[in-house]
């Protein structure tokens, strides 16, 4: 019996020695997969109020004020800022702020020289173009407003609301 166990043990050792290379013989296999992301052009816009303050009809000087438009666009996205006429009425050549039926002439300009009317790009108006600095970084455009001098109008608060449109 001892002899049989030794033979069995040798046979088992030999069998295992032959089997080990089958279990230990490792290989590899590889593959690849694509990774992608798409960033679409996007923009948003905010604007501060333009308050001219107190207007003196007897002053020979116009009354100036400014507003800041903050444009947030995807980095490198080209955009154009358009301003409408406003709810006060008038036209791009002479916007108006209103107090009931009474109106006060004013306009909005692209620079502090007050020579180029900021509008929709039609007629004698211009738009302001820019390039996005990022959706978290504002590109600021200044709006220059001017109320014409020597307008003898009734007392009251004159208002209008301008719509800012960013085309991108």
C-alpha atoms as a PDB file:
ATOM      1  CA  UNK A   1       0.000   0.000   0.000  1.00  0.00           C
ATOM      2  CA  UNK A   2       2.853   2.305   0.767  1.00  0.00           C
ATOM      3  CA  UNK A   3       4.284   1.534  -2.631  1.00  0.00           C
ATOM      4  CA  UNK A   4       0.986   2.304  -4.299  1.00  0.00           C
ATOM      5  CA  UNK A   5       0.757   5.611  -2.486  1.00  0.00           C
ATOM      6  CA  UNK A   6       4.243   6.568  -3.590  1.00  0.00           C
ATOM      7  CA  UNK A   7       3.428   5.726  -7.170  1.00  0.00           C
ATOM      8  CA  UNK A   8       0.127   7.596  -6.901  1.00  0.00           C
ATOM      9  CA  UNK A   9       1.931  10.564  -5.374  1.00  0.00           C
ATOM     10  CA  UNK A  10       4.532  10.544  -8.158  1.00  0.00           C
ATOM     11  CA  UNK A  11       1.845  10.269 -10.766  1.00  0.00           C
ATOM     12  CA  UNK A  12      -0.084  13.087  -9.162  1.00  0.00           C
ATOM     13  CA  UNK A  13       3.061  15.250  -8.996  1.00  0.00           C
ATOM     14  CA  UNK A  14       3.817  14.503 -12.619  1.00  0.00           C
ATOM     15  CA  UNK A  15       0.266  15.253 -13.652  1.00  0.00           C
ATOM     16  CA  UNK A  16       0.315  18.525 -11.795  1.00  0.00           C
ATOM     17  CA  UNK A  17       3.677  19.443 -13.284  1.00  0.00           C
ATOM     18  CA  UNK A  18       2.198  18.967 -16.734  1.00  0.00           C
ATOM     19  CA  UNK A  19      -0.946  20.916 -15.866  1.00  0.00           C
ATOM     20  CA  UNK A  20       0.769  23.929 -14.317  1.00  0.00           C
ATOM     21  CA  UNK A  21       2.056  25.338 -17.569  1.00  0.00           C
ATOM     22  CA  UNK A  22      -1.495  25.236 -18.939  1.00  0.00           C
ATOM     23  CA  UNK A  23      -2.822  27.288 -16.025  1.00  0.00           C
ATOM     24  CA  UNK A  24       0.134  29.653 -15.752  1.00  0.00           C
ATOM     25  CA  UNK A  25       0.513  30.412 -19.433  1.00  0.00           C
ATOM     26  CA  UNK A  26      -1.040  33.946 -19.423  1.00  0.00           C
ATOM     27  CA  UNK A  27      -1.851  36.131 -22.411  1.00  0.00           C
ATOM     28  CA  UNK A  28      -3.267  39.623 -22.962  1.00  0.00           C
ATOM     29  CA  UNK A  29      -5.868  41.115 -25.185  1.00  0.00           C
ATOM     30  CA  UNK A  30      -6.427  44.838 -25.752  1.00  0.00           C
ATOM     31  CA  UNK A  31      -8.970  47.074 -27.399  1.00  0.00           C
ATOM     32  CA  UNK A  32      -9.663  50.786 -27.638  1.00  0.00           C
ATOM     33  CA  UNK A  33     -12.766  52.949 -27.355  1.00  0.00           C
ATOM     34  CA  UNK A  34     -13.367  56.546 -28.424  1.00  0.00           C
ATOM     35  CA  UNK A  35     -13.952  59.332 -25.920  1.00  0.00           C
ATOM     36  CA  UNK A  36     -15.573  62.584 -27.036  1.00  0.00           C
ATOM     37  CA  UNK A  37     -17.430  65.648 -25.805  1.00  0.00           C
ATOM     38  CA  UNK A  38     -19.234  68.392 -27.681  1.00  0.00           C
ATOM     39  CA  UNK A  39     -19.351  71.988 -26.496  1.00  0.00           C
ATOM     40  CA  UNK A  40     -22.015  73.943 -28.310  1.00  0.00           C
ATOM     41  CA  UNK A  41     -21.889  77.691 -28.696  1.00  0.00           C
ATOM     42  CA  UNK A  42     -23.960  79.348 -26.001  1.00  0.00           C
ATOM     43  CA  UNK A  43     -24.453  82.884 -24.734  1.00  0.00           C
ATOM     44  CA  UNK A  44     -26.312  84.702 -21.992  1.00  0.00           C
ATOM     45  CA  UNK A  45     -26.549  88.404 -21.242  1.00  0.00           C
ATOM     46  CA  UNK A  46     -27.243  90.740 -18.334  1.00  0.00           C
ATOM     47  CA  UNK A  47     -27.472  94.541 -18.246  1.00  0.00           C
ATOM     48  CA  UNK A  48     -27.420  97.246 -15.601  1.00  0.00           C
ATOM     49  CA  UNK A  49     -29.927 100.095 -15.450  1.00  0.00           C
ATOM     50  CA  UNK A  50     -29.135 103.376 -17.168  1.00  0.00           C
ATOM     51  CA  UNK A  51     -30.268 106.176 -14.892  1.00  0.00           C
ATOM     52  CA  UNK A  52     -29.773 109.704 -16.152  1.00  0.00           C
ATOM     53  CA  UNK A  53     -30.787 111.180 -12.806  1.00  0.00           C
ATOM     54  CA  UNK A  54     -32.297 114.664 -12.577  1.00  0.00           C
ATOM     55  CA  UNK A  55     -32.769 116.463 -15.891  1.00  0.00           C
ATOM     56  CA  UNK A  56     -32.614 120.264 -15.991  1.00  0.00           C
ATOM     57  CA  UNK A  57     -34.579 121.578 -19.008  1.00  0.00           C
ATOM     58  CA  UNK A  58     -32.806 124.951 -18.817  1.00  0.00           C
ATOM     59  CA  UNK A  59     -29.298 123.522 -19.049  1.00  0.00           C
ATOM     60  CA  UNK A  60     -27.593 124.041 -22.371  1.00  0.00           C
ATOM     61  CA  UNK A  61     -25.700 120.782 -21.918  1.00  0.00           C
ATOM     62  CA  UNK A  62     -26.986 117.286 -22.633  1.00  0.00           C
ATOM     63  CA  UNK A  63     -27.341 114.816 -19.765  1.00  0.00           C
ATOM     64  CA  UNK A  64     -25.174 111.684 -20.098  1.00  0.00           C
ATOM     65  CA  UNK A  65     -25.333 108.264 -18.464  1.00  0.00           C
ATOM     66  CA  UNK A  66     -24.008 104.748 -18.990  1.00  0.00           C
ATOM     67  CA  UNK A  67     -25.085 101.147 -18.650  1.00  0.00           C
ATOM     68  CA  UNK A  68     -23.014  97.964 -18.726  1.00  0.00           C
ATOM     69  CA  UNK A  69     -23.991  94.944 -20.782  1.00  0.00           C
ATOM     70  CA  UNK A  70     -22.274  91.724 -19.705  1.00  0.00           C
ATOM     71  CA  UNK A  71     -22.128  89.026 -22.370  1.00  0.00           C
ATOM     72  CA  UNK A  72     -21.214  85.487 -21.371  1.00  0.00           C
ATOM     73  CA  UNK A  73     -20.412  83.342 -24.425  1.00  0.00           C
ATOM     74  CA  UNK A  74     -18.516  80.135 -25.033  1.00  0.00           C
ATOM     75  CA  UNK A  75     -14.797  80.870 -25.462  1.00  0.00           C
ATOM     76  CA  UNK A  76     -14.142  82.192 -28.969  1.00  0.00           C
ATOM     77  CA  UNK A  77     -17.814  82.376 -30.019  1.00  0.00           C
ATOM     78  CA  UNK A  78     -18.463  85.458 -32.127  1.00  0.00           C
ATOM     79  CA  UNK A  79     -21.487  87.498 -31.068  1.00  0.00           C
ATOM     80  CA  UNK A  80     -23.288  90.723 -31.904  1.00  0.00           C
ATOM     81  CA  UNK A  81     -25.213  92.865 -29.402  1.00  0.00           C
ATOM     82  CA  UNK A  82     -28.392  94.518 -30.710  1.00  0.00           C
ATOM     83  CA  UNK A  83     -30.503  97.122 -28.871  1.00  0.00           C
ATOM     84  CA  UNK A  84     -34.134  97.783 -29.769  1.00  0.00           C
ATOM     85  CA  UNK A  85     -35.842 101.194 -29.816  1.00  0.00           C
ATOM     86  CA  UNK A  86     -37.371 100.664 -26.377  1.00  0.00           C
ATOM     87  CA  UNK A  87     -40.836 100.835 -24.894  1.00  0.00           C
ATOM     88  CA  UNK A  88     -40.751 104.647 -24.713  1.00  0.00           C
ATOM     89  CA  UNK A  89     -41.297 104.863 -28.458  1.00  0.00           C
ATOM     90  CA  UNK A  90     -39.590 107.028 -31.007  1.00  0.00           C
ATOM     91  CA  UNK A  91     -37.184 105.699 -33.585  1.00  0.00           C
ATOM     92  CA  UNK A  92     -33.520 104.846 -33.721  1.00  0.00           C
ATOM     93  CA  UNK A  93     -32.817 108.425 -34.845  1.00  0.00           C
ATOM     94  CA  UNK A  94     -34.495 109.738 -31.683  1.00  0.00           C
ATOM     95  CA  UNK A  95     -35.469 107.280 -28.956  1.00  0.00           C
ATOM     96  CA  UNK A  96     -37.843 108.590 -26.331  1.00  0.00           C
ATOM     97  CA  UNK A  97     -38.445 107.956 -22.661  1.00  0.00           C
ATOM     98  CA  UNK A  98     -42.051 108.530 -21.708  1.00  0.00           C
ATOM     99  CA  UNK A  99     -44.170 109.829 -18.862  1.00  0.00           C
ATOM    100  CA  UNK A 100     -47.681 109.127 -20.082  1.00  0.00           C
ATOM    101  CA  UNK A 101     -48.125 111.106 -23.310  1.00  0.00           C
ATOM    102  CA  UNK A 102     -45.073 113.258 -22.563  1.00  0.00           C
ATOM    103  CA  UNK A 103     -41.760 112.173 -24.046  1.00  0.00           C
ATOM    104  CA  UNK A 104     -38.133 113.162 -23.590  1.00  0.00           C
ATOM    105  CA  UNK A 105     -35.703 112.604 -26.472  1.00  0.00           C
ATOM    106  CA  UNK A 106     -32.551 110.614 -25.836  1.00  0.00           C
ATOM    107  CA  UNK A 107     -30.393 108.051 -27.570  1.00  0.00           C
ATOM    108  CA  UNK A 108     -27.929 105.224 -26.949  1.00  0.00           C
ATOM    109  CA  UNK A 109     -24.471 105.152 -28.483  1.00  0.00           C
ATOM    110  CA  UNK A 110     -21.598 102.713 -29.001  1.00  0.00           C
ATOM    111  CA  UNK A 111     -18.925 105.080 -27.616  1.00  0.00           C
ATOM    112  CA  UNK A 112     -18.558 108.140 -25.399  1.00  0.00           C
ATOM    113  CA  UNK A 113     -18.143 110.256 -28.546  1.00  0.00           C
ATOM    114  CA  UNK A 114     -21.944 109.896 -28.926  1.00  0.00           C
ATOM    115  CA  UNK A 115     -21.704 109.699 -32.717  1.00  0.00           C
ATOM    116  CA  UNK A 116     -22.838 106.149 -33.595  1.00  0.00           C
ATOM    117  CA  UNK A 117     -26.340 105.141 -32.514  1.00  0.00           C
ATOM    118  CA  UNK A 118     -26.497 101.630 -31.043  1.00  0.00           C
ATOM    119  CA  UNK A 119     -29.385  99.817 -32.668  1.00  0.00           C
ATOM    120  CA  UNK A 120     -30.039  96.814 -34.884  1.00  0.00           C
ATOM    121  CA  UNK A 121     -27.591  97.645 -37.684  1.00  0.00           C
ATOM    122  CA  UNK A 122     -30.214  99.109 -40.015  1.00  0.00           C
ATOM    123  CA  UNK A 123     -30.189 102.668 -41.305  1.00  0.00           C
ATOM    124  CA  UNK A 124     -27.658 104.812 -39.475  1.00  0.00           C
ATOM    125  CA  UNK A 125     -27.421 102.433 -36.484  1.00  0.00           C
ATOM    126  CA  UNK A 126     -24.668 100.045 -35.534  1.00  0.00           C
ATOM    127  CA  UNK A 127     -24.372  96.906 -33.446  1.00  0.00           C
ATOM    128  CA  UNK A 128     -21.446  95.932 -31.234  1.00  0.00           C
ATOM    129  CA  UNK A 129     -19.555  92.720 -31.962  1.00  0.00           C
ATOM    130  CA  UNK A 130     -17.339  90.689 -29.690  1.00  0.00           C
ATOM    131  CA  UNK A 131     -15.859  87.296 -29.000  1.00  0.00           C
ATOM    132  CA  UNK A 132     -16.790  85.128 -26.032  1.00  0.00           C
ATOM    133  CA  UNK A 133     -14.389  85.018 -23.105  1.00  0.00           C
ATOM    134  CA  UNK A 134     -16.221  82.068 -21.550  1.00  0.00           C
ATOM    135  CA  UNK A 135     -19.561  81.225 -19.991  1.00  0.00           C
ATOM    136  CA  UNK A 136     -18.133  82.177 -16.595  1.00  0.00           C
ATOM    137  CA  UNK A 137     -16.313  85.327 -17.765  1.00  0.00           C
ATOM    138  CA  UNK A 138     -18.137  88.489 -18.824  1.00  0.00           C
ATOM    139  CA  UNK A 139     -17.263  90.468 -21.913  1.00  0.00           C
ATOM    140  CA  UNK A 140     -18.523  93.893 -20.895  1.00  0.00           C
ATOM    141  CA  UNK A 141     -19.877  96.411 -23.372  1.00  0.00           C
ATOM    142  CA  UNK A 142     -20.662  99.957 -22.231  1.00  0.00           C
ATOM    143  CA  UNK A 143     -23.803 101.689 -23.477  1.00  0.00           C
ATOM    144  CA  UNK A 144     -23.480 105.482 -23.623  1.00  0.00           C
ATOM    145  CA  UNK A 145     -26.774 107.342 -23.228  1.00  0.00           C
ATOM    146  CA  UNK A 146     -27.489 111.003 -23.809  1.00  0.00           C
ATOM    147  CA  UNK A 147     -30.606 113.105 -23.206  1.00  0.00           C
ATOM    148  CA  UNK A 148     -30.680 116.086 -25.564  1.00  0.00           C
ATOM    149  CA  UNK A 149     -30.383 119.556 -24.016  1.00  0.00           C
ATOM    150  CA  UNK A 150     -33.105 122.224 -23.740  1.00  0.00           C
ATOM    151  CA  UNK A 151     -36.221 120.020 -23.721  1.00  0.00           C
ATOM    152  CA  UNK A 152     -38.925 121.871 -21.800  1.00  0.00           C
ATOM    153  CA  UNK A 153     -41.150 119.024 -20.569  1.00  0.00           C
ATOM    154  CA  UNK A 154     -43.571 118.566 -17.667  1.00  0.00           C
ATOM    155  CA  UNK A 155     -42.254 117.262 -14.328  1.00  0.00           C
ATOM    156  CA  UNK A 156     -42.397 113.507 -13.786  1.00  0.00           C
ATOM    157  CA  UNK A 157     -40.459 110.293 -14.163  1.00  0.00           C
ATOM    158  CA  UNK A 158     -39.723 109.352 -17.758  1.00  0.00           C
ATOM    159  CA  UNK A 159     -38.981 105.697 -18.498  1.00  0.00           C
ATOM    160  CA  UNK A 160     -38.377 103.150 -21.210  1.00  0.00           C
ATOM    161  CA  UNK A 161     -37.226  99.544 -21.288  1.00  0.00           C
ATOM    162  CA  UNK A 162     -34.593  98.485 -23.809  1.00  0.00           C
ATOM    163  CA  UNK A 163     -34.376  94.890 -25.015  1.00  0.00           C
ATOM    164  CA  UNK A 164     -30.833  93.591 -25.475  1.00  0.00           C
ATOM    165  CA  UNK A 165     -30.410  90.757 -27.983  1.00  0.00           C
ATOM    166  CA  UNK A 166     -27.199  88.773 -28.408  1.00  0.00           C
ATOM    167  CA  UNK A 167     -26.886  86.992 -31.751  1.00  0.00           C
ATOM    168  CA  UNK A 168     -24.258  84.258 -31.881  1.00  0.00           C
END
